[in-house]
Amino acid sequence: MADDGTGLAGSDARRVFERFYRAGSAQRAAAGSGLGLAIASSAAEANGGRLELDTRPGDGCTFRLLLPNRPSAASTAHREGRTPLLLSATAAGVGG
């Protein structure tokens, strides 16, 4: 995911995945708790991956979610025709 916003200063970029950290103007904004990127990063690591950030002040930010290609038991069983693959509404992109 990328944006064309103001980007992050180096000091903010180093801390952006810390719990409760909110960079620059976000510290003054009422919305946000500073948990979203920390949770996303932890979830990526729990699945053997990582969340990366590329940023330059004035050039916006690019976040990359990298996950290993390890089929789950459910997806393997589905491919082999042993079970239907069921997705939650959130995983299927519905309602959230």
PDB file of N, CA and C in Angstrom:
ATOM      1  N   MET A   1       0.844  -1.157   0.000  1.00  0.00           N
ATOM      2  CA  MET A   1       0.000   0.000   0.000  1.00  0.00           C
ATOM      3  C   MET A   1       0.896   1.228   0.000  1.00  0.00           C
ATOM      4  N   ALA A   2       0.553   2.199  -0.787  1.00  0.00           N
ATOM      5  CA  ALA A   2       1.360   3.416  -0.869  1.00  0.00           C
ATOM      6  C   ALA A   2       0.459   4.642  -0.802  1.00  0.00           C
ATOM      7  N   ASP A   3       1.041   5.731  -0.357  1.00  0.00           N
ATOM      8  CA  ASP A   3       0.322   7.008  -0.375  1.00  0.00           C
ATOM      9  C   ASP A   3       1.256   8.081  -0.917  1.00  0.00           C
ATOM     10  N   ASP A   4       0.705   9.236  -1.176  1.00  0.00           N
ATOM     11  CA  ASP A   4       1.531  10.330  -1.670  1.00  0.00           C
ATOM     12  C   ASP A   4       1.503  11.501  -0.686  1.00  0.00           C
ATOM     13  N   GLY A   5       1.450  11.164   0.599  1.00  0.00           N
ATOM     14  CA  GLY A   5       1.413  12.169   1.656  1.00  0.00           C
ATOM     15  C   GLY A   5       2.769  12.774   1.920  1.00  0.00           C
ATOM     16  N   THR A   6       2.952  13.239   3.123  1.00  0.00           N
ATOM     17  CA  THR A   6       4.172  13.956   3.482  1.00  0.00           C
ATOM     18  C   THR A   6       5.333  13.038   3.842  1.00  0.00           C
ATOM     19  N   GLY A   7       5.093  11.746   3.973  1.00  0.00           N
ATOM     20  CA  GLY A   7       6.159  10.833   4.375  1.00  0.00           C
ATOM     21  C   GLY A   7       6.456  10.962   5.861  1.00  0.00           C
ATOM     22  N   LEU A   8       7.471  10.260   6.309  1.00  0.00           N
ATOM     23  CA  LEU A   8       7.857  10.279   7.714  1.00  0.00           C
ATOM     24  C   LEU A   8       9.317  10.653   7.859  1.00  0.00           C
ATOM     25  N   ALA A   9       9.624  11.401   8.892  1.00  0.00           N
ATOM     26  CA  ALA A   9      11.018  11.683   9.227  1.00  0.00           C
ATOM     27  C   ALA A   9      11.667  10.384   9.704  1.00  0.00           C
ATOM     28  N   GLY A  10      12.971  10.299   9.603  1.00  0.00           N
ATOM     29  CA  GLY A  10      13.691   9.097  10.011  1.00  0.00           C
ATOM     30  C   GLY A  10      13.404   8.676  11.440  1.00  0.00           C
ATOM     31  N   SER A  11      13.310   9.635  12.358  1.00  0.00           N
ATOM     32  CA  SER A  11      13.044   9.304  13.756  1.00  0.00           C
ATOM     33  C   SER A  11      11.657   8.692  13.919  1.00  0.00           C
ATOM     34  N   ASP A  12      10.678   9.156  13.156  1.00  0.00           N
ATOM     35  CA  ASP A  12       9.336   8.575  13.213  1.00  0.00           C
ATOM     36  C   ASP A  12       9.305   7.208  12.533  1.00  0.00           C
ATOM     37  N   ALA A  13       9.977   7.088  11.399  1.00  0.00           N
ATOM     38  CA  ALA A  13       9.980   5.830  10.647  1.00  0.00           C
ATOM     39  C   ALA A  13      10.564   4.690  11.479  1.00  0.00           C
ATOM     40  N   ARG A  14      11.576   4.977  12.301  1.00  0.00           N
ATOM     41  CA  ARG A  14      12.180   3.932  13.143  1.00  0.00           C
ATOM     42  C   ARG A  14      11.221   3.439  14.213  1.00  0.00           C
ATOM     43  N   ARG A  15      10.237   4.240  14.590  1.00  0.00           N
ATOM     44  CA  ARG A  15       9.345   3.891  15.693  1.00  0.00           C
ATOM     45  C   ARG A  15       7.925   3.543  15.265  1.00  0.00           C
ATOM     46  N   VAL A  16       7.614   3.614  13.985  1.00  0.00           N
ATOM     47  CA  VAL A  16       6.241   3.520  13.503  1.00  0.00           C
ATOM     48  C   VAL A  16       5.559   2.187  13.850  1.00  0.00           C
ATOM     49  N   PHE A  17       6.305   1.113  14.076  1.00  0.00           N
ATOM     50  CA  PHE A  17       5.714  -0.181  14.412  1.00  0.00           C
ATOM     51  C   PHE A  17       5.627  -0.423  15.917  1.00  0.00           C
ATOM     52  N   GLU A  18       6.010   0.557  16.741  1.00  0.00           N
ATOM     53  CA  GLU A  18       5.904   0.432  18.202  1.00  0.00           C
ATOM     54  C   GLU A  18       4.459   0.646  18.636  1.00  0.00           C
ATOM     55  N   ARG A  19       4.042  -0.116  19.657  1.00  0.00           N
ATOM     56  CA  ARG A  19       2.688   0.063  20.194  1.00  0.00           C
ATOM     57  C   ARG A  19       2.519   1.470  20.753  1.00  0.00           C
ATOM     58  N   PHE A  20       1.393   2.072  20.462  1.00  0.00           N
ATOM     59  CA  PHE A  20       0.963   3.386  20.939  1.00  0.00           C
ATOM     60  C   PHE A  20       1.753   4.567  20.362  1.00  0.00           C
ATOM     61  N   TYR A  21       2.693   4.306  19.461  1.00  0.00           N
ATOM     62  CA  TYR A  21       3.452   5.416  18.870  1.00  0.00           C
ATOM     63  C   TYR A  21       2.621   6.060  17.764  1.00  0.00           C
ATOM     64  N   ARG A  22       2.524   7.383  17.789  1.00  0.00           N
ATOM     65  CA  ARG A  22       1.854   8.139  16.732  1.00  0.00           C
ATOM     66  C   ARG A  22       2.802   9.235  16.290  1.00  0.00           C
ATOM     67  N   ALA A  23       3.083   9.260  15.008  1.00  0.00           N
ATOM     68  CA  ALA A  23       4.086  10.181  14.463  1.00  0.00           C
ATOM     69  C   ALA A  23       3.537  11.579  14.262  1.00  0.00           C
ATOM     70  N   GLY A  24       4.399  12.551  14.395  1.00  0.00           N
ATOM     71  CA  GLY A  24       4.148  13.955  14.039  1.00  0.00           C
ATOM     72  C   GLY A  24       2.761  14.467  14.297  1.00  0.00           C
ATOM     73  N   SER A  25       2.061  14.835  13.220  1.00  0.00           N
ATOM     74  CA  SER A  25       0.738  15.440  13.343  1.00  0.00           C
ATOM     75  C   SER A  25      -0.290  14.470  13.904  1.00  0.00           C
ATOM     76  N   ALA A  26      -0.054  13.158  13.781  1.00  0.00           N
ATOM     77  CA  ALA A  26      -0.993  12.184  14.335  1.00  0.00           C
ATOM     78  C   ALA A  26      -1.051  12.284  15.855  1.00  0.00           C
ATOM     79  N   GLN A  27       0.036  12.744  16.472  1.00  0.00           N
ATOM     80  CA  GLN A  27       0.046  12.908  17.922  1.00  0.00           C
ATOM     81  C   GLN A  27      -0.976  13.947  18.344  1.00  0.00           C
ATOM     82  N   ARG A  28      -1.245  14.926  17.502  1.00  0.00           N
ATOM     83  CA  ARG A  28      -2.195  15.989  17.830  1.00  0.00           C
ATOM     84  C   ARG A  28      -3.610  15.641  17.401  1.00  0.00           C
ATOM     85  N   ALA A  29      -3.765  14.687  16.512  1.00  0.00           N
ATOM     86  CA  ALA A  29      -5.091  14.314  16.019  1.00  0.00           C
ATOM     87  C   ALA A  29      -5.820  13.465  17.055  1.00  0.00           C
ATOM     88  N   ALA A  30      -7.124  13.571  17.085  1.00  0.00           N
ATOM     89  CA  ALA A  30      -7.921  12.830  18.066  1.00  0.00           C
ATOM     90  C   ALA A  30      -8.061  11.358  17.679  1.00  0.00           C
ATOM     91  N   ALA A  31      -8.069  11.039  16.395  1.00  0.00           N
ATOM     92  CA  ALA A  31      -8.295   9.665  15.953  1.00  0.00           C
ATOM     93  C   ALA A  31      -7.024   8.830  16.052  1.00  0.00           C
ATOM     94  N   GLY A  32      -7.205   7.546  16.266  1.00  0.00           N
ATOM     95  CA  GLY A  32      -6.094   6.609  16.270  1.00  0.00           C
ATOM     96  C   GLY A  32      -5.488   6.408  17.636  1.00  0.00           C
ATOM     97  N   SER A  33      -5.099   5.169  17.883  1.00  0.00           N
ATOM     98  CA  SER A  33      -4.500   4.826  19.172  1.00  0.00           C
ATOM     99  C   SER A  33      -3.033   4.469  19.057  1.00  0.00           C
ATOM    100  N   GLY A  34      -2.527   4.366  17.834  1.00  0.00           N
ATOM    101  CA  GLY A  34      -1.139   3.980  17.653  1.00  0.00           C
ATOM    102  C   GLY A  34      -0.929   2.479  17.760  1.00  0.00           C
ATOM    103  N   LEU A  35      -1.982   1.702  17.527  1.00  0.00           N
ATOM    104  CA  LEU A  35      -1.862   0.245  17.626  1.00  0.00           C
ATOM    105  C   LEU A  35      -1.907  -0.475  16.280  1.00  0.00           C
ATOM    106  N   GLY A  36      -2.486   0.132  15.260  1.00  0.00           N
ATOM    107  CA  GLY A  36      -2.716  -0.564  13.987  1.00  0.00           C
ATOM    108  C   GLY A  36      -1.480  -1.173  13.360  1.00  0.00           C
ATOM    109  N   LEU A  37      -0.423  -0.387  13.181  1.00  0.00           N
ATOM    110  CA  LEU A  37       0.788  -0.922  12.550  1.00  0.00           C
ATOM    111  C   LEU A  37       1.517  -1.901  13.448  1.00  0.00           C
ATOM    112  N   ALA A  38       1.452  -1.707  14.761  1.00  0.00           N
ATOM    113  CA  ALA A  38       2.075  -2.654  15.691  1.00  0.00           C
ATOM    114  C   ALA A  38       1.370  -4.007  15.608  1.00  0.00           C
ATOM    115  N   ILE A  39       0.052  -3.999  15.541  1.00  0.00           N
ATOM    116  CA  ILE A  39      -0.711  -5.245  15.426  1.00  0.00           C
ATOM    117  C   ILE A  39      -0.430  -5.914  14.090  1.00  0.00           C
ATOM    118  N   ALA A  40      -0.445  -5.145  13.005  1.00  0.00           N
ATOM    119  CA  ALA A  40      -0.178  -5.715  11.678  1.00  0.00           C
ATOM    120  C   ALA A  40       1.218  -6.322  11.608  1.00  0.00           C
ATOM    121  N   SER A  41       2.202  -5.639  12.191  1.00  0.00           N
ATOM    122  CA  SER A  41       3.569  -6.146  12.196  1.00  0.00           C
ATOM    123  C   SER A  41       3.677  -7.431  13.006  1.00  0.00           C
ATOM    124  N   SER A  42       3.044  -7.464  14.168  1.00  0.00           N
ATOM    125  CA  SER A  42       3.057  -8.677  15.007  1.00  0.00           C
ATOM    126  C   SER A  42       2.382  -9.851  14.304  1.00  0.00           C
ATOM    127  N   ALA A  43       1.261  -9.585  13.631  1.00  0.00           N
ATOM    128  CA  ALA A  43       0.560 -10.642  12.903  1.00  0.00           C
ATOM    129  C   ALA A  43       1.427 -11.186  11.769  1.00  0.00           C
ATOM    130  N   ALA A  44       2.114 -10.300  11.066  1.00  0.00           N
ATOM    131  CA  ALA A  44       3.005 -10.741   9.988  1.00  0.00           C
ATOM    132  C   ALA A  44       4.116 -11.627  10.545  1.00  0.00           C
ATOM    133  N   GLU A  45       4.745 -11.200  11.642  1.00  0.00           N
ATOM    134  CA  GLU A  45       5.827 -11.977  12.253  1.00  0.00           C
ATOM    135  C   GLU A  45       5.331 -13.320  12.777  1.00  0.00           C
ATOM    136  N   ALA A  46       4.124 -13.347  13.341  1.00  0.00           N
ATOM    137  CA  ALA A  46       3.560 -14.601  13.851  1.00  0.00           C
ATOM    138  C   ALA A  46       3.338 -15.613  12.729  1.00  0.00           C
ATOM    139  N   ASN A  47       3.227 -15.111  11.501  1.00  0.00           N
ATOM    140  CA  ASN A  47       3.028 -15.983  10.348  1.00  0.00           C
ATOM    141  C   ASN A  47       4.294 -16.148   9.515  1.00  0.00           C
ATOM    142  N   GLY A  48       5.441 -15.812  10.101  1.00  0.00           N
ATOM    143  CA  GLY A  48       6.712 -16.004   9.430  1.00  0.00           C
ATOM    144  C   GLY A  48       7.070 -14.921   8.434  1.00  0.00           C
ATOM    145  N   GLY A  49       6.399 -13.790   8.495  1.00  0.00           N
ATOM    146  CA  GLY A  49       6.648 -12.714   7.539  1.00  0.00           C
ATOM    147  C   GLY A  49       7.086 -11.438   8.226  1.00  0.00           C
ATOM    148  N   ARG A  50       6.918 -10.335   7.504  1.00  0.00           N
ATOM    149  CA  ARG A  50       7.278  -9.034   8.074  1.00  0.00           C
ATOM    150  C   ARG A  50       6.518  -7.934   7.347  1.00  0.00           C
ATOM    151  N   LEU A  51       6.396  -6.803   8.020  1.00  0.00           N
ATOM    152  CA  LEU A  51       5.805  -5.605   7.452  1.00  0.00           C
ATOM    153  C   LEU A  51       6.935  -4.608   7.278  1.00  0.00           C
ATOM    154  N   GLU A  52       7.081  -4.069   6.068  1.00  0.00           N
ATOM    155  CA  GLU A  52       8.175  -3.140   5.768  1.00  0.00           C
ATOM    156  C   GLU A  52       7.624  -1.769   5.431  1.00  0.00           C
ATOM    157  N   LEU A  53       8.451  -0.757   5.655  1.00  0.00           N
ATOM    158  CA  LEU A  53       8.107   0.627   5.343  1.00  0.00           C
ATOM    159  C   LEU A  53       9.227   1.253   4.535  1.00  0.00           C
ATOM    160  N   ASP A  54       8.866   1.888   3.428  1.00  0.00           N
ATOM    161  CA  ASP A  54       9.776   2.754   2.678  1.00  0.00           C
ATOM    162  C   ASP A  54       9.181   4.152   2.735  1.00  0.00           C
ATOM    163  N   THR A  55       9.976   5.127   3.151  1.00  0.00           N
ATOM    164  CA  THR A  55       9.477   6.498   3.226  1.00  0.00           C
ATOM    165  C   THR A  55      10.604   7.493   3.066  1.00  0.00           C
ATOM    166  N   ARG A  56      10.239   8.623   2.496  1.00  0.00           N
ATOM    167  CA  ARG A  56      11.134   9.779   2.404  1.00  0.00           C
ATOM    168  C   ARG A  56      10.280  11.001   2.687  1.00  0.00           C
ATOM    169  N   PRO A  57      10.732  11.884   3.558  1.00  0.00           N
ATOM    170  CA  PRO A  57       9.946  13.091   3.817  1.00  0.00           C
ATOM    171  C   PRO A  57       9.587  13.796   2.512  1.00  0.00           C
ATOM    172  N   GLY A  58       8.315  14.116   2.359  1.00  0.00           N
ATOM    173  CA  GLY A  58       7.822  14.780   1.155  1.00  0.00           C
ATOM    174  C   GLY A  58       7.409  13.834   0.043  1.00  0.00           C
ATOM    175  N   ASP A  59       7.695  12.531   0.177  1.00  0.00           N
ATOM    176  CA  ASP A  59       7.404  11.557  -0.880  1.00  0.00           C
ATOM    177  C   ASP A  59       6.374  10.509  -0.499  1.00  0.00           C
ATOM    178  N   GLY A  60       5.791  10.575   0.674  1.00  0.00           N
ATOM    179  CA  GLY A  60       4.797   9.581   1.069  1.00  0.00           C
ATOM    180  C   GLY A  60       5.427   8.320   1.646  1.00  0.00           C
ATOM    181  N   CYS A  61       4.593   7.308   1.836  1.00  0.00           N
ATOM    182  CA  CYS A  61       5.018   6.040   2.447  1.00  0.00           C
ATOM    183  C   CYS A  61       4.547   4.862   1.605  1.00  0.00           C
ATOM    184  N   THR A  62       5.336   3.825   1.601  1.00  0.00           N
ATOM    185  CA  THR A  62       4.945   2.559   0.989  1.00  0.00           C
ATOM    186  C   THR A  62       5.127   1.473   2.029  1.00  0.00           C
ATOM    187  N   PHE A  63       4.047   0.740   2.318  1.00  0.00           N
ATOM    188  CA  PHE A  63       4.105  -0.395   3.239  1.00  0.00           C
ATOM    189  C   PHE A  63       3.988  -1.669   2.420  1.00  0.00           C
ATOM    190  N   ARG A  64       4.810  -2.660   2.748  1.00  0.00           N
ATOM    191  CA  ARG A  64       4.776  -3.966   2.092  1.00  0.00           C
ATOM    192  C   ARG A  64       4.600  -5.044   3.148  1.00  0.00           C
ATOM    193  N   LEU A  65       3.624  -5.921   2.928  1.00  0.00           N
ATOM    194  CA  LEU A  65       3.413  -7.082   3.781  1.00  0.00           C
ATOM    195  C   LEU A  65       4.004  -8.278   3.051  1.00  0.00           C
ATOM    196  N   LEU A  66       5.017  -8.887   3.643  1.00  0.00           N
ATOM    197  CA  LEU A  66       5.683 -10.046   3.042  1.00  0.00           C
ATOM    198  C   LEU A  66       5.381 -11.276   3.893  1.00  0.00           C
ATOM    199  N   LEU A  67       4.808 -12.291   3.265  1.00  0.00           N
ATOM    200  CA  LEU A  67       4.475 -13.542   3.951  1.00  0.00           C
ATOM    201  C   LEU A  67       5.064 -14.707   3.175  1.00  0.00           C
ATOM    202  N   PRO A  68       5.489 -15.753   3.883  1.00  0.00           N
ATOM    203  CA  PRO A  68       6.026 -16.920   3.186  1.00  0.00           C
ATOM    204  C   PRO A  68       4.916 -17.666   2.454  1.00  0.00           C
ATOM    205  N   ASN A  69       5.278 -18.358   1.407  1.00  0.00           N
ATOM    206  CA  ASN A  69       4.320 -19.148   0.636  1.00  0.00           C
ATOM    207  C   ASN A  69       4.244 -20.548   1.255  1.00  0.00           C
ATOM    208  N   ARG A  70       3.468 -20.645   2.316  1.00  0.00           N
ATOM    209  CA  ARG A  70       3.254 -21.930   2.991  1.00  0.00           C
ATOM    210  C   ARG A  70       1.766 -22.220   2.991  1.00  0.00           C
ATOM    211  N   PRO A  71       1.313 -23.141   2.165  1.00  0.00           N
ATOM    212  CA  PRO A  71      -0.118 -23.450   2.147  1.00  0.00           C
ATOM    213  C   PRO A  71      -0.557 -24.002   3.507  1.00  0.00           C
ATOM    214  N   SER A  72      -1.728 -23.586   3.951  1.00  0.00           N
ATOM    215  CA  SER A  72      -2.273 -24.102   5.202  1.00  0.00           C
ATOM    216  C   SER A  72      -2.872 -25.488   4.958  1.00  0.00           C
ATOM    217  N   ALA A  73      -3.119 -26.203   6.022  1.00  0.00           N
ATOM    218  CA  ALA A  73      -3.746 -27.524   5.902  1.00  0.00           C
ATOM    219  C   ALA A  73      -5.116 -27.402   5.247  1.00  0.00           C
ATOM    220  N   ALA A  74      -5.859 -26.340   5.596  1.00  0.00           N
ATOM    221  CA  ALA A  74      -7.196 -26.145   5.021  1.00  0.00           C
ATOM    222  C   ALA A  74      -7.120 -25.902   3.520  1.00  0.00           C
ATOM    223  N   SER A  75      -6.181 -25.057   3.069  1.00  0.00           N
ATOM    224  CA  SER A  75      -6.105 -24.782   1.635  1.00  0.00           C
ATOM    225  C   SER A  75      -5.597 -26.001   0.873  1.00  0.00           C
ATOM    226  N   THR A  76      -4.709 -26.783   1.472  1.00  0.00           N
ATOM    227  CA  THR A  76      -4.222 -28.011   0.829  1.00  0.00           C
ATOM    228  C   THR A  76      -5.355 -29.013   0.679  1.00  0.00           C
ATOM    229  N   ALA A  77      -6.152 -29.192   1.732  1.00  0.00           N
ATOM    230  CA  ALA A  77      -7.287 -30.119   1.672  1.00  0.00           C
ATOM    231  C   ALA A  77      -8.290 -29.661   0.615  1.00  0.00           C
ATOM    232  N   HIS A  78      -8.502 -28.363   0.509  1.00  0.00           N
ATOM    233  CA  HIS A  78      -9.424 -27.829  -0.494  1.00  0.00           C
ATOM    234  C   HIS A  78      -8.911 -28.112  -1.903  1.00  0.00           C
ATOM    235  N   ARG A  79      -7.625 -27.853  -2.144  1.00  0.00           N
ATOM    236  CA  ARG A  79      -7.067 -28.105  -3.471  1.00  0.00           C
ATOM    237  C   ARG A  79      -7.163 -29.576  -3.845  1.00  0.00           C
ATOM    238  N   GLU A  80      -7.044 -30.448  -2.861  1.00  0.00           N
ATOM    239  CA  GLU A  80      -7.113 -31.885  -3.132  1.00  0.00           C
ATOM    240  C   GLU A  80      -8.554 -32.380  -3.194  1.00  0.00           C
ATOM    241  N   GLY A  81      -9.533 -31.468  -3.018  1.00  0.00           N
ATOM    242  CA  GLY A  81     -10.938 -31.837  -3.132  1.00  0.00           C
ATOM    243  C   GLY A  81     -11.500 -32.536  -1.917  1.00  0.00           C
ATOM    244  N   ARG A  82     -10.795 -32.485  -0.782  1.00  0.00           N
ATOM    245  CA  ARG A  82     -11.275 -33.171   0.419  1.00  0.00           C
ATOM    246  C   ARG A  82     -12.239 -32.336   1.243  1.00  0.00           C
ATOM    247  N   THR A  83     -12.170 -31.014   1.159  1.00  0.00           N
ATOM    248  CA  THR A  83     -13.073 -30.149   1.929  1.00  0.00           C
ATOM    249  C   THR A  83     -13.313 -28.856   1.158  1.00  0.00           C
ATOM    250  N   PRO A  84     -14.453 -28.217   1.413  1.00  0.00           N
ATOM    251  CA  PRO A  84     -14.653 -26.884   0.827  1.00  0.00           C
ATOM    252  C   PRO A  84     -13.811 -25.876   1.603  1.00  0.00           C
ATOM    253  N   LEU A  85     -13.349 -24.855   0.925  1.00  0.00           N
ATOM    254  CA  LEU A  85     -12.589 -23.795   1.585  1.00  0.00           C
ATOM    255  C   LEU A  85     -13.572 -22.755   2.091  1.00  0.00           C
ATOM    256  N   LEU A  86     -13.592 -22.534   3.407  1.00  0.00           N
ATOM    257  CA  LEU A  86     -14.495 -21.576   4.017  1.00  0.00           C
ATOM    258  C   LEU A  86     -13.714 -20.367   4.463  1.00  0.00           C
ATOM    259  N   LEU A  87     -14.221 -19.185   4.167  1.00  0.00           N
ATOM    260  CA  LEU A  87     -13.586 -17.929   4.576  1.00  0.00           C
ATOM    261  C   LEU A  87     -14.519 -17.191   5.508  1.00  0.00           C
ATOM    262  N   SER A  88     -13.948 -16.514   6.480  1.00  0.00           N
ATOM    263  CA  SER A  88     -14.755 -15.633   7.310  1.00  0.00           C
ATOM    264  C   SER A  88     -15.183 -14.440   6.476  1.00  0.00           C
ATOM    265  N   ALA A  89     -16.187 -13.723   6.922  1.00  0.00           N
ATOM    266  CA  ALA A  89     -16.644 -12.541   6.176  1.00  0.00           C
ATOM    267  C   ALA A  89     -15.529 -11.528   6.044  1.00  0.00           C
ATOM    268  N   THR A  90     -14.701 -11.356   7.094  1.00  0.00           N
ATOM    269  CA  THR A  90     -13.610 -10.400   7.038  1.00  0.00           C
ATOM    270  C   THR A  90     -12.561 -10.845   6.030  1.00  0.00           C
ATOM    271  N   ALA A  91     -12.186 -12.117   6.046  1.00  0.00           N
ATOM    272  CA  ALA A  91     -11.193 -12.631   5.102  1.00  0.00           C
ATOM    273  C   ALA A  91     -11.682 -12.528   3.668  1.00  0.00           C
ATOM    274  N   ALA A  92     -12.972 -12.647   3.480  1.00  0.00           N
ATOM    275  CA  ALA A  92     -13.531 -12.566   2.133  1.00  0.00           C
ATOM    276  C   ALA A  92     -13.761 -11.125   1.692  1.00  0.00           C
ATOM    277  N   GLY A  93     -13.481 -10.165   2.582  1.00  0.00           N
ATOM    278  CA  GLY A  93     -13.623  -8.762   2.238  1.00  0.00           C
ATOM    279  C   GLY A  93     -15.046  -8.246   2.393  1.00  0.00           C
ATOM    280  N   VAL A  94     -15.838  -8.911   3.213  1.00  0.00           N
ATOM    281  CA  VAL A  94     -17.222  -8.516   3.405  1.00  0.00           C
ATOM    282  C   VAL A  94     -17.393  -7.894   4.782  1.00  0.00           C
ATOM    283  N   GLY A  95     -17.951  -6.721   4.834  1.00  0.00           N
ATOM    284  CA  GLY A  95     -18.353  -6.113   6.096  1.00  0.00           C
ATOM    285  C   GLY A  95     -17.251  -5.609   6.979  1.00  0.00           C
ATOM    286  N   GLY A  96     -16.091  -5.358   6.511  1.00  0.00           N
ATOM    287  CA  GLY A  96     -15.173  -4.830   7.468  1.00  0.00           C
ATOM    288  C   GLY A  96     -13.916  -4.391   6.977  1.00  0.00           C
TER     289      GLY A  96
END
